[in-house]
Amino acid sequence: QVQLVESGGGLVQPGGSLRLSCVASGISFSLYSMAWYRQAPGKQRELVARIFSGGTTFYTGSVKGRFTISRDSDKNTVYLQMNSLKPEDTAVYYCNAQRLLYNLSHWGQGTQVTVAS
């Protein structure tokens, strides 16, 4: 059974930092690209960052230079370090594991990030 369990969300002031973690089980972690998506109220879910199995990363424009995605294959964990947070970063953040060649995609339950003073 595939499980992706996110943690690390919470309430933070503008300019602050948070680190999200996602622990994966039930998959061959090293074969999957891992990503963080987010969904704000009334908006569509959007890709925030992706890290491929080889380590290549992609970021959406609004988070470049502020967020860093990384993965630890020994711990089956993907991280999202979020710095200089803005109120517009407020959303539920979801972890995603994807193996495109086999049309496989798995989601976590989400963790709330709220940026407010």
C-alpha atoms as a PDB file:
ATOM      1  CA  GLN A   1       0.000   0.000   0.000  1.00  0.00           C
ATOM      2  CA  VAL A   2       1.377   3.365  -1.048  1.00  0.00           C
ATOM      3  CA  GLN A   3       1.486   6.082   1.580  1.00  0.00           C
ATOM      4  CA  LEU A   4       2.784   9.620   1.396  1.00  0.00           C
ATOM      5  CA  VAL A   5       2.700  11.374   4.760  1.00  0.00           C
ATOM      6  CA  GLU A   6       3.349  15.102   4.893  1.00  0.00           C
ATOM      7  CA  SER A   7       4.331  17.101   7.948  1.00  0.00           C
ATOM      8  CA  GLY A   8       5.770  20.480   8.843  1.00  0.00           C
ATOM      9  CA  GLY A   9       2.933  22.824   7.972  1.00  0.00           C
ATOM     10  CA  GLY A  10       1.666  25.514  10.279  1.00  0.00           C
ATOM     11  CA  LEU A  11       1.201  29.220  10.857  1.00  0.00           C
ATOM     12  CA  VAL A  12       4.137  31.515  10.146  1.00  0.00           C
ATOM     13  CA  GLN A  13       4.584  35.260   9.837  1.00  0.00           C
ATOM     14  CA  PRO A  14       5.453  36.886   6.508  1.00  0.00           C
ATOM     15  CA  GLY A  15       9.184  36.585   5.906  1.00  0.00           C
ATOM     16  CA  GLY A  16       9.408  33.428   7.983  1.00  0.00           C
ATOM     17  CA  SER A  17      10.442  29.900   7.068  1.00  0.00           C
ATOM     18  CA  LEU A  18       8.999  26.401   7.189  1.00  0.00           C
ATOM     19  CA  ARG A  19      10.275  23.020   6.112  1.00  0.00           C
ATOM     20  CA  LEU A  20       7.804  20.461   4.835  1.00  0.00           C
ATOM     21  CA  SER A  21       8.597  16.762   4.855  1.00  0.00           C
ATOM     22  CA  CYS A  22       6.963  13.877   3.011  1.00  0.00           C
ATOM     23  CA  VAL A  23       7.779  10.300   3.910  1.00  0.00           C
ATOM     24  CA  ALA A  24       6.948   7.738   1.247  1.00  0.00           C
ATOM     25  CA  SER A  25       6.275   4.041   1.764  1.00  0.00           C
ATOM     26  CA  GLY A  26       5.110   1.259  -0.528  1.00  0.00           C
ATOM     27  CA  ILE A  27       7.015   2.572  -3.564  1.00  0.00           C
ATOM     28  CA  SER A  28      10.513   2.252  -4.988  1.00  0.00           C
ATOM     29  CA  PHE A  29      11.308   5.792  -3.953  1.00  0.00           C
ATOM     30  CA  SER A  30      14.437   6.205  -6.061  1.00  0.00           C
ATOM     31  CA  LEU A  31      12.495   5.460  -9.261  1.00  0.00           C
ATOM     32  CA  TYR A  32       9.924   8.210  -8.732  1.00  0.00           C
ATOM     33  CA  SER A  33      10.039  11.901  -9.373  1.00  0.00           C
ATOM     34  CA  MET A  34       8.744  13.714  -6.304  1.00  0.00           C
ATOM     35  CA  ALA A  35       6.907  16.992  -6.207  1.00  0.00           C
ATOM     36  CA  TRP A  36       5.095  19.480  -4.037  1.00  0.00           C
ATOM     37  CA  TYR A  37       1.827  20.992  -5.187  1.00  0.00           C
ATOM     38  CA  ARG A  38      -0.363  23.513  -3.430  1.00  0.00           C
ATOM     39  CA  GLN A  39      -3.991  24.526  -3.527  1.00  0.00           C
ATOM     40  CA  ALA A  40      -5.271  27.815  -2.163  1.00  0.00           C
ATOM     41  CA  PRO A  41      -8.968  28.350  -1.411  1.00  0.00           C
ATOM     42  CA  GLY A  42     -10.933  28.841  -4.616  1.00  0.00           C
ATOM     43  CA  LYS A  43      -7.930  28.075  -6.818  1.00  0.00           C
ATOM     44  CA  GLN A  44      -6.711  25.112  -8.789  1.00  0.00           C
ATOM     45  CA  ARG A  45      -3.955  22.887  -7.483  1.00  0.00           C
ATOM     46  CA  GLU A  46      -0.616  24.039  -8.874  1.00  0.00           C
ATOM     47  CA  LEU A  47       2.850  22.551  -9.104  1.00  0.00           C
ATOM     48  CA  VAL A  48       5.310  24.239  -6.771  1.00  0.00           C
ATOM     49  CA  ALA A  49       8.470  22.198  -7.264  1.00  0.00           C
ATOM     50  CA  ARG A  50       9.599  18.847  -8.613  1.00  0.00           C
ATOM     51  CA  ILE A  51      12.750  16.822  -8.154  1.00  0.00           C
ATOM     52  CA  PHE A  52      13.499  14.025 -10.571  1.00  0.00           C
ATOM     53  CA  SER A  53      15.112  10.748  -9.640  1.00  0.00           C
ATOM     54  CA  GLY A  54      18.457  12.000 -10.938  1.00  0.00           C
ATOM     55  CA  GLY A  55      18.264  15.149  -8.826  1.00  0.00           C
ATOM     56  CA  THR A  56      17.221  17.694 -11.436  1.00  0.00           C
ATOM     57  CA  THR A  57      14.827  20.242  -9.995  1.00  0.00           C
ATOM     58  CA  PHE A  58      12.078  22.468 -11.334  1.00  0.00           C
ATOM     59  CA  TYR A  59      10.361  25.391  -9.615  1.00  0.00           C
ATOM     60  CA  THR A  60       7.366  27.460 -10.525  1.00  0.00           C
ATOM     61  CA  GLY A  61       8.302  31.072 -11.076  1.00  0.00           C
ATOM     62  CA  SER A  62       6.721  32.550  -7.972  1.00  0.00           C
ATOM     63  CA  VAL A  63       8.862  30.446  -5.610  1.00  0.00           C
ATOM     64  CA  LYS A  64      12.215  30.482  -7.409  1.00  0.00           C
ATOM     65  CA  GLY A  65      14.959  31.672  -5.109  1.00  0.00           C
ATOM     66  CA  ARG A  66      12.783  31.201  -2.010  1.00  0.00           C
ATOM     67  CA  PHE A  67      11.920  27.482  -1.958  1.00  0.00           C
ATOM     68  CA  THR A  68      14.252  24.505  -2.217  1.00  0.00           C
ATOM     69  CA  ILE A  69      13.174  20.933  -2.893  1.00  0.00           C
ATOM     70  CA  SER A  70      15.429  18.043  -1.922  1.00  0.00           C
ATOM     71  CA  ARG A  71      15.204  14.308  -1.434  1.00  0.00           C
ATOM     72  CA  ASP A  72      16.855  11.723   0.800  1.00  0.00           C
ATOM     73  CA  SER A  73      16.636   8.254  -0.674  1.00  0.00           C
ATOM     74  CA  ASP A  74      17.951   6.641   2.508  1.00  0.00           C
ATOM     75  CA  LYS A  75      14.925   8.018   4.350  1.00  0.00           C
ATOM     76  CA  ASN A  76      12.407   7.842   1.455  1.00  0.00           C
ATOM     77  CA  THR A  77      11.715  11.485   2.169  1.00  0.00           C
ATOM     78  CA  VAL A  78      11.273  14.620   0.105  1.00  0.00           C
ATOM     79  CA  TYR A  79      11.582  18.069   1.646  1.00  0.00           C
ATOM     80  CA  LEU A  80      10.461  21.548   0.752  1.00  0.00           C
ATOM     81  CA  GLN A  81      12.391  24.317   2.466  1.00  0.00           C
ATOM     82  CA  MET A  82      10.348  27.501   2.239  1.00  0.00           C
ATOM     83  CA  ASN A  83      11.993  30.824   3.046  1.00  0.00           C
ATOM     84  CA  SER A  84      10.807  34.425   2.789  1.00  0.00           C
ATOM     85  CA  LEU A  85       7.222  33.261   2.957  1.00  0.00           C
ATOM     86  CA  LYS A  86       4.479  35.540   1.693  1.00  0.00           C
ATOM     87  CA  PRO A  87       0.743  35.604   2.441  1.00  0.00           C
ATOM     88  CA  GLU A  88       0.133  34.383  -1.116  1.00  0.00           C
ATOM     89  CA  ASP A  89       1.981  31.166  -0.242  1.00  0.00           C
ATOM     90  CA  THR A  90      -0.940  30.244   2.024  1.00  0.00           C
ATOM     91  CA  ALA A  91      -2.379  26.946   0.807  1.00  0.00           C
ATOM     92  CA  VAL A  92      -2.672  23.254   1.464  1.00  0.00           C
ATOM     93  CA  TYR A  93       0.572  21.670   0.289  1.00  0.00           C
ATOM     94  CA  TYR A  94       0.457  18.183  -1.192  1.00  0.00           C
ATOM     95  CA  CYS A  95       3.245  15.702  -1.800  1.00  0.00           C
ATOM     96  CA  ASN A  96       3.177  13.798  -5.104  1.00  0.00           C
ATOM     97  CA  ALA A  97       5.116  10.777  -6.313  1.00  0.00           C
ATOM     98  CA  GLN A  98       5.085  10.192 -10.045  1.00  0.00           C
ATOM     99  CA  ARG A  99       6.436   7.553 -12.375  1.00  0.00           C
ATOM    100  CA  LEU A 100       5.383   8.898 -15.734  1.00  0.00           C
ATOM    101  CA  LEU A 101       6.494   5.923 -17.832  1.00  0.00           C
ATOM    102  CA  TYR A 102       4.019   3.698 -16.019  1.00  0.00           C
ATOM    103  CA  ASN A 103       1.325   6.352 -15.566  1.00  0.00           C
ATOM    104  CA  LEU A 104       1.661   6.106 -11.786  1.00  0.00           C
ATOM    105  CA  SER A 105       0.854   9.022  -9.524  1.00  0.00           C
ATOM    106  CA  HIS A 106       0.306   9.019  -5.763  1.00  0.00           C
ATOM    107  CA  TRP A 107      -0.774  11.817  -3.425  1.00  0.00           C
ATOM    108  CA  GLY A 108      -0.441  12.634   0.230  1.00  0.00           C
ATOM    109  CA  GLN A 109      -3.252  13.995   2.365  1.00  0.00           C
ATOM    110  CA  GLY A 110      -1.897  17.541   2.446  1.00  0.00           C
ATOM    111  CA  THR A 111      -0.576  19.890   5.103  1.00  0.00           C
ATOM    112  CA  GLN A 112      -1.827  23.410   5.720  1.00  0.00           C
ATOM    113  CA  VAL A 113       0.572  26.338   5.434  1.00  0.00           C
ATOM    114  CA  THR A 114      -0.735  29.713   6.562  1.00  0.00           C
ATOM    115  CA  VAL A 115       1.342  32.874   6.221  1.00  0.00           C
ATOM    116  CA  ALA A 116      -0.177  35.714   8.213  1.00  0.00           C
ATOM    117  CA  SER A 117       0.701  38.300  10.805  1.00  0.00           C
END
